[in-house]
Amino acid sequence: MKKISAILLLLMPLVSICQELTGNELLDKSIAFHDPQGNWASFSGTLKVTMDTPKASPRVSTIKIDLPEEYFELTARRDTNSTKYTIHKGDCTITFNEESNISEEILKENNLSCERAHLYKNYYTYLYGLPMKLKDPGTQIASNVAHRKFKGKEYLVLRVAYDEEVGSDTWFFYFDPTTYAMEIYQFFKGDPFGMGKDTGEYILLSEMETINEIKMPKIRAWYYNKDDKYLGTDSLIRQ
């Protein structure tokens, strides 16, 4: 009996190694948690997001996304101003305070442009489409999964880089080791363990809203990596 116990003890590290997930396996498990029906590819819905930042009034955004129709619409309101960006099959329109005939002075003063419209489109579809968006072309999923503690909790961590034409930042995604829910993401500009270690931000995710059978983070709180300085919070409001 003692010999059997000794053999089992020797085999335990090997069993643990065999059960380790690859990066793609971890991603698949997280997608199965967040989007069990595979609905993201045909997502059509409306998100309402309130952004609260220090020393600024809240910004309330209504975001309409229809992926099959290649349609994106963002209406953002802060104080007395309202901006609406619409992109449909690549064509962009801008409305400011319900006026579509906007002078160059107003465009410049309020930083309004179709380039900015496309930035918002990419921003919202990326962040609310995670982790499914990590299947997009140009995404480099690290094969090894790290075990890391963050804010006192143990996580499975996936490292992600991108092809040069897609992006230059290095991202880390933190998943609950039991449910595979995505609970944190973090990005760095440059080498996260070298010159770039004090760059970028981390985002803490909490609570869930289920929209079109997809579990999306309800609360996203943003902080600088360098000094943990709080930047702001996005809150998803169910329509």
Protein backbone atom coordinates (compact mmCIF):
# COMPACT_ATOMS: atom_id res chain seq x y z
CA MET A 1 0.00 0.00 0.00
CA LYS A 2 2.86 2.36 0.83
CA LYS A 3 4.42 1.66 -2.58
CA ILE A 4 1.13 2.51 -4.35
CA SER A 5 0.82 5.76 -2.40
CA ALA A 6 4.39 6.69 -3.28
CA ILE A 7 3.76 6.03 -6.99
CA LEU A 8 0.59 8.16 -6.90
CA LEU A 9 2.50 11.00 -5.30
CA LEU A 10 5.11 10.82 -8.04
CA LEU A 11 2.43 10.80 -10.73
CA MET A 12 0.45 13.75 -9.36
CA PRO A 13 2.65 16.45 -10.97
CA LEU A 14 2.42 14.60 -14.29
CA VAL A 15 -1.39 14.41 -14.06
CA SER A 16 -1.48 18.14 -13.27
CA ILE A 17 0.65 18.94 -16.33
CA CYS A 18 -1.54 16.76 -18.56
CA GLN A 19 -4.64 18.59 -17.37
CA GLU A 20 -3.19 22.04 -18.07
CA LEU A 21 -5.20 23.97 -20.62
CA THR A 22 -3.66 25.46 -23.73
CA GLY A 23 -4.41 29.09 -24.53
CA ASN A 24 -6.96 28.19 -27.18
CA GLU A 25 -8.65 25.65 -24.92
CA LEU A 26 -9.00 28.26 -22.18
CA LEU A 27 -10.44 30.74 -24.67
CA ASP A 28 -12.97 28.17 -25.91
CA LYS A 29 -14.11 27.46 -22.35
CA SER A 30 -14.57 31.15 -21.62
CA ILE A 31 -16.53 31.66 -24.84
CA ALA A 32 -18.74 28.70 -23.86
CA PHE A 33 -19.46 30.52 -20.58
CA HIS A 34 -20.13 33.97 -22.04
CA ASP A 35 -21.75 33.02 -25.36
CA PRO A 36 -23.01 29.44 -25.04
CA GLN A 37 -25.31 29.70 -28.07
CA GLY A 38 -22.72 31.31 -30.34
CA ASN A 39 -24.84 34.45 -30.79
CA TRP A 40 -22.10 37.07 -31.03
CA ALA A 41 -21.45 36.54 -34.75
CA SER A 42 -25.05 37.56 -35.53
CA PHE A 43 -25.43 40.08 -32.70
CA SER A 44 -28.07 42.77 -33.20
CA GLY A 45 -28.99 44.81 -30.16
CA THR A 46 -28.77 48.02 -28.18
CA LEU A 47 -26.48 48.76 -25.25
CA LYS A 48 -26.81 51.71 -22.90
CA VAL A 49 -23.63 52.66 -21.07
CA THR A 50 -23.02 55.34 -18.46
CA MET A 51 -19.43 56.49 -18.03
CA ASP A 52 -18.46 58.10 -14.73
CA THR A 53 -15.05 59.75 -14.47
CA PRO A 54 -13.46 61.92 -11.78
CA LYS A 55 -14.04 65.66 -12.18
CA ALA A 56 -16.44 65.25 -15.10
CA SER A 57 -20.18 64.87 -15.47
CA PRO A 58 -21.50 61.43 -16.55
CA ARG A 59 -21.64 60.57 -20.23
CA VAL A 60 -24.61 58.42 -21.27
CA SER A 61 -24.17 56.47 -24.50
CA THR A 62 -26.73 54.47 -26.45
CA ILE A 63 -24.98 52.02 -28.76
CA LYS A 64 -26.73 50.10 -31.53
CA ILE A 65 -24.78 47.25 -33.08
CA ASP A 66 -26.02 45.07 -35.94
CA LEU A 67 -23.13 42.91 -37.09
CA PRO A 68 -24.90 41.17 -40.03
CA GLU A 69 -25.98 44.57 -41.39
CA GLU A 70 -22.57 46.16 -40.70
CA TYR A 71 -24.37 48.87 -38.74
CA PHE A 72 -23.09 50.86 -35.79
CA GLU A 73 -24.70 53.84 -34.10
CA LEU A 74 -23.51 55.75 -31.06
CA THR A 75 -25.50 58.53 -29.42
CA ALA A 76 -23.58 60.12 -26.55
CA ARG A 77 -24.96 62.78 -24.20
CA ARG A 78 -22.98 64.82 -21.69
CA ASP A 79 -24.36 67.97 -20.07
CA THR A 80 -26.22 69.84 -22.82
CA ASN A 81 -24.41 68.32 -25.80
CA SER A 82 -25.43 65.32 -27.86
CA THR A 83 -23.30 63.61 -30.50
CA LYS A 84 -24.47 60.88 -32.85
CA TYR A 85 -22.17 58.78 -35.02
CA THR A 86 -23.58 56.33 -37.55
CA ILE A 87 -21.60 53.87 -39.67
CA HIS A 88 -23.47 51.69 -42.16
CA LYS A 89 -21.48 49.46 -44.47
CA GLY A 90 -18.54 51.83 -44.14
CA ASP A 91 -20.48 55.06 -44.76
CA CYS A 92 -20.24 57.54 -41.87
CA THR A 93 -22.55 60.37 -40.76
CA ILE A 94 -22.23 62.73 -37.79
CA THR A 95 -24.90 64.71 -35.96
CA PHE A 96 -24.17 67.25 -33.25
CA ASN A 97 -27.05 68.54 -31.13
CA GLU A 98 -29.39 67.13 -33.80
CA GLU A 99 -27.72 69.15 -36.55
CA SER A 100 -26.12 67.29 -39.46
CA ASN A 101 -24.85 70.40 -41.25
CA ILE A 102 -21.90 71.04 -38.94
CA SER A 103 -19.32 73.77 -39.48
CA GLU A 104 -15.61 72.98 -39.57
CA GLU A 105 -15.19 75.10 -36.44
CA ILE A 106 -17.71 73.02 -34.48
CA LEU A 107 -16.20 69.76 -35.76
CA LYS A 108 -12.73 70.81 -34.64
CA GLU A 109 -13.88 72.30 -31.33
CA ASN A 110 -15.68 69.08 -30.35
CA ASN A 111 -13.21 66.64 -31.92
CA LEU A 112 -15.82 65.20 -34.28
CA SER A 113 -14.71 63.11 -37.25
CA CYS A 114 -15.46 59.89 -39.09
CA GLU A 115 -12.07 58.61 -37.97
CA ARG A 116 -13.30 59.01 -34.39
CA ALA A 117 -16.56 57.28 -35.32
CA HIS A 118 -14.62 54.23 -36.50
CA LEU A 119 -12.53 54.30 -33.31
CA TYR A 120 -15.71 54.16 -31.22
CA LYS A 121 -17.08 51.35 -33.38
CA ASN A 122 -13.93 49.29 -32.91
CA TYR A 123 -13.78 50.14 -29.19
CA TYR A 124 -17.32 49.10 -28.30
CA THR A 125 -17.55 46.04 -30.52
CA TYR A 126 -14.17 44.83 -29.21
CA LEU A 127 -14.78 45.31 -25.49
CA TYR A 128 -18.38 44.11 -25.41
CA GLY A 129 -17.58 41.33 -27.86
CA LEU A 130 -14.94 39.83 -25.59
CA PRO A 131 -13.84 37.10 -25.23
CA MET A 132 -15.38 36.11 -28.58
CA LYS A 133 -13.42 38.82 -30.42
CA LEU A 134 -10.21 36.98 -29.56
CA LYS A 135 -11.12 34.61 -32.39
CA ASP A 136 -10.72 37.41 -34.94
CA PRO A 137 -7.98 37.15 -37.59
CA GLY A 138 -4.69 38.74 -36.60
CA THR A 139 -5.01 37.69 -32.94
CA GLN A 140 -2.04 35.77 -31.53
CA ILE A 141 -3.06 33.53 -28.63
CA ALA A 142 -0.17 32.36 -26.45
CA SER A 143 -0.12 28.57 -26.14
CA ASN A 144 0.78 28.58 -22.43
CA VAL A 145 -1.69 29.58 -19.74
CA ALA A 146 -0.28 31.33 -16.68
CA HIS A 147 -1.48 31.04 -13.09
CA ARG A 148 -1.40 34.44 -11.46
CA LYS A 149 -2.81 36.16 -8.38
CA PHE A 150 -4.41 39.58 -8.88
CA LYS A 151 -6.04 41.59 -6.09
CA GLY A 152 -5.86 38.52 -3.86
CA LYS A 153 -7.55 36.06 -6.23
CA GLU A 154 -6.00 33.30 -8.34
CA TYR A 155 -6.66 33.42 -12.08
CA LEU A 156 -5.92 31.60 -15.28
CA VAL A 157 -4.23 34.19 -17.49
CA LEU A 158 -4.15 34.31 -21.27
CA ARG A 159 -1.56 36.43 -23.06
CA VAL A 160 -2.61 37.93 -26.38
CA ALA A 161 -0.68 39.88 -29.00
CA TYR A 162 -1.73 41.04 -32.46
CA ASP A 163 -0.39 41.09 -35.98
CA GLU A 164 1.26 44.41 -36.78
CA GLU A 165 -1.60 45.64 -38.97
CA VAL A 166 -4.14 44.91 -36.20
CA GLY A 167 -2.49 46.36 -33.08
CA SER A 168 0.73 46.75 -31.12
CA ASP A 169 -0.41 46.39 -27.49
CA THR A 170 0.06 43.24 -25.41
CA TRP A 171 -3.06 42.12 -23.54
CA PHE A 172 -3.63 39.78 -20.60
CA PHE A 173 -7.04 38.28 -19.89
CA TYR A 174 -7.82 36.90 -16.43
CA PHE A 175 -10.36 34.09 -16.09
CA ASP A 176 -11.99 32.52 -13.06
CA PRO A 177 -10.37 29.06 -12.78
CA THR A 178 -13.70 27.36 -12.06
CA THR A 179 -16.31 29.06 -14.26
CA TYR A 180 -13.89 30.52 -16.89
CA ALA A 181 -15.69 33.86 -16.62
CA MET A 182 -13.55 36.76 -17.79
CA GLU A 183 -13.02 39.05 -14.78
CA ILE A 184 -10.07 41.31 -15.67
CA TYR A 185 -8.24 42.47 -18.74
CA GLN A 186 -5.04 44.43 -18.90
CA PHE A 187 -2.93 45.91 -21.67
CA PHE A 188 0.60 47.25 -22.00
CA LYS A 189 2.37 49.26 -24.68
CA GLY A 190 5.62 47.47 -25.40
CA ASP A 191 7.21 44.70 -23.33
CA PRO A 192 5.03 44.23 -20.21
CA PHE A 193 8.02 42.84 -18.30
CA GLY A 194 10.53 45.42 -19.53
CA MET A 195 10.33 49.02 -20.73
CA GLY A 196 6.55 48.86 -21.10
CA LYS A 197 5.74 47.61 -17.60
CA ASP A 198 4.53 51.04 -16.40
CA THR A 199 2.32 51.69 -19.42
CA GLY A 200 -1.29 50.84 -20.12
CA GLU A 201 -4.25 50.06 -17.94
CA TYR A 202 -6.17 47.28 -16.24
CA ILE A 203 -9.93 46.93 -16.16
CA LEU A 204 -11.85 45.16 -13.38
CA LEU A 205 -15.10 43.52 -14.48
CA SER A 206 -17.97 42.80 -12.10
CA GLU A 207 -21.57 41.64 -12.28
CA MET A 208 -23.18 40.41 -15.48
CA GLU A 209 -25.95 41.44 -17.84
CA THR A 210 -27.32 38.84 -20.25
CA ILE A 211 -28.11 40.40 -23.63
CA ASN A 212 -29.14 38.21 -26.57
CA GLU A 213 -28.12 35.24 -24.37
CA ILE A 214 -24.58 36.64 -24.10
CA LYS A 215 -23.16 37.30 -20.63
CA MET A 216 -21.55 40.75 -20.72
CA PRO A 217 -19.79 42.59 -17.88
CA LYS A 218 -22.12 45.11 -16.28
CA ILE A 219 -19.41 47.15 -14.53
CA ARG A 220 -15.96 47.98 -15.95
CA ALA A 221 -13.63 49.98 -13.68
CA TRP A 222 -10.46 51.36 -15.29
CA TYR A 223 -7.07 51.94 -13.60
CA TYR A 224 -3.52 52.80 -14.65
CA ASN A 225 -1.04 49.92 -14.36
CA LYS A 226 1.70 52.25 -13.12
CA ASP A 227 0.14 53.55 -9.93
CA ASP A 228 -3.36 52.01 -9.71
CA LYS A 229 -4.85 55.45 -10.31
CA TYR A 230 -8.59 55.22 -10.88
CA LEU A 231 -9.72 56.48 -14.30
CA GLY A 232 -13.43 55.81 -14.47
CA THR A 233 -16.24 53.29 -14.59
CA ASP A 234 -18.53 52.13 -17.41
CA SER A 235 -21.90 50.76 -16.31
CA LEU A 236 -24.04 48.74 -18.71
CA ILE A 237 -27.75 49.43 -18.27
CA ARG A 238 -30.17 46.85 -19.56
CA GLN A 239 -32.55 48.30 -22.17
